[in-house]
Amino acid sequence: MKKVMYLVVSILLLVMLSSCGSSKTNSNGQPQMLNVELAVKPEQGKVGQPITFEAKVTQGNDRVNDADEVQFEIWRAKDQQHEKIAIKHPKNGIYQLKKTFSQEGTYYIISHVTARGMHNMPKKEFIVGTPSEPEDPKANNSMNGMNMGDQKDKDHQSPSKDGH
């Protein structure tokens, strides 16, 4: 009888402890995805006038203010040189950068967001002044495929927690 009682108490304790987890999960028990809404304002800017880039980071209904890393990668179409800018100090889950451009053309931005063990990297195209020829989505140097394995940032070579 004592063995049965110990077994019942052990099972109850185990159930109570396992239900105390603080991880964000959906109704299926899966972790909620990290969502990044990338905005460019205005999408058609002018040379010498600031353009605002915003990455609104959420997980479920929670705004994420504690991202491990947020970087905006910006480049002009067909340029090999990509600029990466670390973004800190979010306001209500929004990571923001204001930047001016001295050259007209078609540009791209990727927000690299690592938070809560996940990585998300949405991409947007925007134009400064007169558009230049956009990148070919089938070209090897195009970022449309999002295969970042062969892209290396010479200034930041340390991998994130998930290896990206």
C-alpha atoms as a PDB file:
ATOM      1  CA  MET A   1       0.000   0.000   0.000  1.00  0.00           C
ATOM      2  CA  LYS A   2       2.865   2.366   0.806  1.00  0.00           C
ATOM      3  CA  LYS A   3       4.451   1.648  -2.564  1.00  0.00           C
ATOM      4  CA  VAL A   4       1.264   2.601  -4.393  1.00  0.00           C
ATOM      5  CA  MET A   5       0.989   5.794  -2.347  1.00  0.00           C
ATOM      6  CA  TYR A   6       4.625   6.740  -3.132  1.00  0.00           C
ATOM      7  CA  LEU A   7       3.984   6.052  -6.812  1.00  0.00           C
ATOM      8  CA  VAL A   8       0.868   8.257  -6.858  1.00  0.00           C
ATOM      9  CA  VAL A   9       2.649  11.093  -5.030  1.00  0.00           C
ATOM     10  CA  SER A  10       5.665  10.816  -7.358  1.00  0.00           C
ATOM     11  CA  ILE A  11       3.472  10.993 -10.441  1.00  0.00           C
ATOM     12  CA  LEU A  12       1.583  14.000  -9.083  1.00  0.00           C
ATOM     13  CA  LEU A  13       4.835  15.808  -8.313  1.00  0.00           C
ATOM     14  CA  LEU A  14       6.162  15.040 -11.774  1.00  0.00           C
ATOM     15  CA  VAL A  15       2.992  16.373 -13.419  1.00  0.00           C
ATOM     16  CA  MET A  16       3.088  19.539 -11.314  1.00  0.00           C
ATOM     17  CA  LEU A  17       6.749  20.198 -12.074  1.00  0.00           C
ATOM     18  CA  SER A  18       6.374  19.637 -15.805  1.00  0.00           C
ATOM     19  CA  SER A  19       3.432  22.046 -16.025  1.00  0.00           C
ATOM     20  CA  CYS A  20       5.508  24.865 -14.503  1.00  0.00           C
ATOM     21  CA  GLY A  21       7.607  25.402 -17.643  1.00  0.00           C
ATOM     22  CA  SER A  22       7.898  29.033 -18.742  1.00  0.00           C
ATOM     23  CA  SER A  23       8.476  28.425 -22.455  1.00  0.00           C
ATOM     24  CA  LYS A  24       6.028  29.970 -24.933  1.00  0.00           C
ATOM     25  CA  THR A  25       4.190  27.167 -26.716  1.00  0.00           C
ATOM     26  CA  ASN A  26       1.146  26.956 -28.939  1.00  0.00           C
ATOM     27  CA  SER A  27      -1.840  24.650 -28.414  1.00  0.00           C
ATOM     28  CA  ASN A  28       0.101  21.732 -29.967  1.00  0.00           C
ATOM     29  CA  GLY A  29       2.918  22.093 -27.439  1.00  0.00           C
ATOM     30  CA  GLN A  30       5.263  23.442 -30.124  1.00  0.00           C
ATOM     31  CA  PRO A  31       7.282  26.615 -29.378  1.00  0.00           C
ATOM     32  CA  GLN A  32       5.681  29.738 -30.823  1.00  0.00           C
ATOM     33  CA  MET A  33       7.555  31.071 -33.828  1.00  0.00           C
ATOM     34  CA  LEU A  34       9.609  34.239 -33.756  1.00  0.00           C
ATOM     35  CA  ASN A  35       7.844  36.730 -36.026  1.00  0.00           C
ATOM     36  CA  VAL A  36       9.636  39.689 -37.628  1.00  0.00           C
ATOM     37  CA  GLU A  37       7.712  42.332 -39.572  1.00  0.00           C
ATOM     38  CA  LEU A  38      10.206  44.376 -41.567  1.00  0.00           C
ATOM     39  CA  ALA A  39       9.098  47.842 -42.704  1.00  0.00           C
ATOM     40  CA  VAL A  40      10.841  50.441 -44.915  1.00  0.00           C
ATOM     41  CA  LYS A  41       9.478  54.007 -44.720  1.00  0.00           C
ATOM     42  CA  PRO A  42       9.255  55.305 -47.371  1.00  0.00           C
ATOM     43  CA  GLU A  43       9.766  52.406 -49.798  1.00  0.00           C
ATOM     44  CA  GLN A  44      10.752  54.990 -52.460  1.00  0.00           C
ATOM     45  CA  GLY A  45      13.186  57.425 -50.833  1.00  0.00           C
ATOM     46  CA  LYS A  46      15.302  60.295 -52.075  1.00  0.00           C
ATOM     47  CA  VAL A  47      19.068  60.771 -52.070  1.00  0.00           C
ATOM     48  CA  GLY A  48      20.196  62.592 -48.919  1.00  0.00           C
ATOM     49  CA  GLN A  49      16.874  62.128 -47.096  1.00  0.00           C
ATOM     50  CA  PRO A  50      16.558  59.609 -44.237  1.00  0.00           C
ATOM     51  CA  ILE A  51      14.829  56.287 -44.691  1.00  0.00           C
ATOM     52  CA  THR A  52      13.524  54.511 -41.589  1.00  0.00           C
ATOM     53  CA  PHE A  53      13.885  50.744 -41.224  1.00  0.00           C
ATOM     54  CA  GLU A  54      11.885  48.955 -38.526  1.00  0.00           C
ATOM     55  CA  ALA A  55      11.833  45.330 -37.441  1.00  0.00           C
ATOM     56  CA  LYS A  56       8.861  44.589 -35.182  1.00  0.00           C
ATOM     57  CA  VAL A  57       9.785  41.405 -33.301  1.00  0.00           C
ATOM     58  CA  THR A  58       7.107  39.302 -31.606  1.00  0.00           C
ATOM     59  CA  GLN A  59       6.610  35.788 -30.287  1.00  0.00           C
ATOM     60  CA  GLY A  60       2.937  34.966 -30.013  1.00  0.00           C
ATOM     61  CA  ASN A  61       1.330  38.060 -28.484  1.00  0.00           C
ATOM     62  CA  ASP A  62       4.555  39.166 -26.740  1.00  0.00           C
ATOM     63  CA  ARG A  63       6.790  41.903 -28.120  1.00  0.00           C
ATOM     64  CA  VAL A  64      10.430  40.837 -27.938  1.00  0.00           C
ATOM     65  CA  ASN A  65      12.696  43.417 -26.279  1.00  0.00           C
ATOM     66  CA  ASP A  66      15.408  40.921 -25.320  1.00  0.00           C
ATOM     67  CA  ALA A  67      16.683  39.701 -28.709  1.00  0.00           C
ATOM     68  CA  ASP A  68      20.176  38.199 -28.609  1.00  0.00           C
ATOM     69  CA  GLU A  69      21.079  39.966 -31.856  1.00  0.00           C
ATOM     70  CA  VAL A  70      19.410  42.238 -34.400  1.00  0.00           C
ATOM     71  CA  GLN A  71      21.366  43.300 -37.491  1.00  0.00           C
ATOM     72  CA  PHE A  72      20.227  45.121 -40.591  1.00  0.00           C
ATOM     73  CA  GLU A  73      22.132  44.076 -43.715  1.00  0.00           C
ATOM     74  CA  ILE A  74      21.806  46.659 -46.494  1.00  0.00           C
ATOM     75  CA  TRP A  75      23.207  46.679 -50.019  1.00  0.00           C
ATOM     76  CA  ARG A  76      22.661  48.214 -53.456  1.00  0.00           C
ATOM     77  CA  ALA A  77      21.504  45.761 -56.134  1.00  0.00           C
ATOM     78  CA  LYS A  78      24.382  43.787 -57.648  1.00  0.00           C
ATOM     79  CA  ASP A  79      26.964  45.243 -55.223  1.00  0.00           C
ATOM     80  CA  GLN A  80      29.252  42.749 -53.523  1.00  0.00           C
ATOM     81  CA  GLN A  81      29.692  45.038 -50.507  1.00  0.00           C
ATOM     82  CA  HIS A  82      26.986  44.568 -47.861  1.00  0.00           C
ATOM     83  CA  GLU A  83      26.791  46.815 -44.804  1.00  0.00           C
ATOM     84  CA  LYS A  84      25.730  45.196 -41.519  1.00  0.00           C
ATOM     85  CA  ILE A  85      24.512  47.440 -38.724  1.00  0.00           C
ATOM     86  CA  ALA A  86      23.790  46.128 -35.219  1.00  0.00           C
ATOM     87  CA  ILE A  87      20.561  47.477 -33.725  1.00  0.00           C
ATOM     88  CA  LYS A  88      20.116  47.816 -29.983  1.00  0.00           C
ATOM     89  CA  HIS A  89      17.651  49.421 -27.578  1.00  0.00           C
ATOM     90  CA  PRO A  90      14.255  48.427 -28.952  1.00  0.00           C
ATOM     91  CA  LYS A  91      11.122  50.387 -28.143  1.00  0.00           C
ATOM     92  CA  ASN A  92       8.171  48.105 -27.466  1.00  0.00           C
ATOM     93  CA  GLY A  93       9.594  45.287 -29.616  1.00  0.00           C
ATOM     94  CA  ILE A  94      10.550  47.582 -32.508  1.00  0.00           C
ATOM     95  CA  TYR A  95      14.209  47.769 -33.562  1.00  0.00           C
ATOM     96  CA  GLN A  96      14.792  50.879 -35.668  1.00  0.00           C
ATOM     97  CA  LEU A  97      17.449  52.465 -37.883  1.00  0.00           C
ATOM     98  CA  LYS A  98      17.393  55.763 -39.798  1.00  0.00           C
ATOM     99  CA  LYS A  99      19.855  56.000 -42.679  1.00  0.00           C
ATOM    100  CA  THR A 100      20.504  58.315 -45.608  1.00  0.00           C
ATOM    101  CA  PHE A 101      21.852  57.202 -48.984  1.00  0.00           C
ATOM    102  CA  SER A 102      24.126  59.137 -51.331  1.00  0.00           C
ATOM    103  CA  GLN A 103      23.580  56.974 -54.420  1.00  0.00           C
ATOM    104  CA  GLU A 104      20.367  56.318 -56.327  1.00  0.00           C
ATOM    105  CA  GLY A 105      19.305  52.778 -57.094  1.00  0.00           C
ATOM    106  CA  THR A 106      17.500  49.647 -56.047  1.00  0.00           C
ATOM    107  CA  TYR A 107      18.508  48.440 -52.593  1.00  0.00           C
ATOM    108  CA  TYR A 108      17.791  45.469 -50.369  1.00  0.00           C
ATOM    109  CA  ILE A 109      17.602  44.999 -46.611  1.00  0.00           C
ATOM    110  CA  ILE A 110      17.571  41.829 -44.538  1.00  0.00           C
ATOM    111  CA  SER A 111      16.893  42.011 -40.823  1.00  0.00           C
ATOM    112  CA  HIS A 112      18.806  39.222 -39.074  1.00  0.00           C
ATOM    113  CA  VAL A 113      17.022  38.586 -35.768  1.00  0.00           C
ATOM    114  CA  THR A 114      18.149  35.973 -33.242  1.00  0.00           C
ATOM    115  CA  ALA A 115      15.981  35.681 -30.133  1.00  0.00           C
ATOM    116  CA  ARG A 116      14.785  32.971 -27.773  1.00  0.00           C
ATOM    117  CA  GLY A 117      16.665  30.238 -29.590  1.00  0.00           C
ATOM    118  CA  MET A 118      15.242  31.118 -33.032  1.00  0.00           C
ATOM    119  CA  HIS A 119      16.447  33.041 -36.099  1.00  0.00           C
ATOM    120  CA  ASN A 120      14.324  34.958 -38.602  1.00  0.00           C
ATOM    121  CA  MET A 121      15.571  37.041 -41.537  1.00  0.00           C
ATOM    122  CA  PRO A 122      12.946  38.738 -43.710  1.00  0.00           C
ATOM    123  CA  LYS A 123      14.059  40.685 -46.786  1.00  0.00           C
ATOM    124  CA  LYS A 124      12.667  43.815 -48.479  1.00  0.00           C
ATOM    125  CA  GLU A 125      13.517  45.755 -51.626  1.00  0.00           C
ATOM    126  CA  PHE A 126      13.436  49.552 -51.613  1.00  0.00           C
ATOM    127  CA  ILE A 127      14.405  52.334 -53.995  1.00  0.00           C
ATOM    128  CA  VAL A 128      16.427  55.515 -53.533  1.00  0.00           C
ATOM    129  CA  GLY A 129      15.758  58.063 -56.297  1.00  0.00           C
ATOM    130  CA  THR A 130      15.770  56.345 -59.687  1.00  0.00           C
ATOM    131  CA  PRO A 131      15.742  52.515 -59.560  1.00  0.00           C
ATOM    132  CA  SER A 132      18.750  50.599 -60.851  1.00  0.00           C
ATOM    133  CA  GLU A 133      18.605  47.139 -62.375  1.00  0.00           C
ATOM    134  CA  PRO A 134      17.378  44.746 -59.641  1.00  0.00           C
ATOM    135  CA  GLU A 135      19.168  41.534 -58.776  1.00  0.00           C
ATOM    136  CA  ASP A 136      18.305  38.419 -60.742  1.00  0.00           C
ATOM    137  CA  PRO A 137      16.568  36.003 -58.347  1.00  0.00           C
ATOM    138  CA  LYS A 138      18.234  33.082 -60.178  1.00  0.00           C
ATOM    139  CA  ALA A 139      21.768  34.487 -59.863  1.00  0.00           C
ATOM    140  CA  ASN A 140      24.179  32.895 -57.389  1.00  0.00           C
ATOM    141  CA  ASN A 141      24.886  36.195 -55.634  1.00  0.00           C
ATOM    142  CA  SER A 142      21.194  37.000 -55.154  1.00  0.00           C
ATOM    143  CA  MET A 143      19.900  36.803 -51.603  1.00  0.00           C
ATOM    144  CA  ASN A 144      16.425  35.660 -52.682  1.00  0.00           C
ATOM    145  CA  GLY A 145      17.216  32.011 -52.019  1.00  0.00           C
ATOM    146  CA  MET A 146      18.300  32.916 -48.478  1.00  0.00           C
ATOM    147  CA  ASN A 147      21.090  30.330 -48.537  1.00  0.00           C
ATOM    148  CA  MET A 148      23.375  32.216 -46.185  1.00  0.00           C
ATOM    149  CA  GLY A 149      25.846  29.363 -45.715  1.00  0.00           C
ATOM    150  CA  ASP A 150      28.400  30.866 -48.094  1.00  0.00           C
ATOM    151  CA  GLN A 151      27.874  34.502 -47.033  1.00  0.00           C
ATOM    152  CA  LYS A 152      30.484  35.593 -44.507  1.00  0.00           C
ATOM    153  CA  ASP A 153      30.689  38.851 -42.655  1.00  0.00           C
ATOM    154  CA  LYS A 154      34.352  39.662 -42.176  1.00  0.00           C
ATOM    155  CA  ASP A 155      33.666  41.982 -39.234  1.00  0.00           C
ATOM    156  CA  HIS A 156      31.419  39.563 -37.340  1.00  0.00           C
ATOM    157  CA  GLN A 157      32.616  35.992 -37.710  1.00  0.00           C
ATOM    158  CA  SER A 158      31.268  34.568 -34.480  1.00  0.00           C
ATOM    159  CA  PRO A 159      28.235  32.350 -35.060  1.00  0.00           C
ATOM    160  CA  SER A 160      25.018  32.784 -33.117  1.00  0.00           C
ATOM    161  CA  LYS A 161      23.669  30.124 -30.811  1.00  0.00           C
ATOM    162  CA  ASP A 162      21.986  28.325 -33.700  1.00  0.00           C
ATOM    163  CA  GLY A 163      25.063  28.442 -35.954  1.00  0.00           C
ATOM    164  CA  HIS A 164      23.917  31.232 -38.337  1.00  0.00           C
END
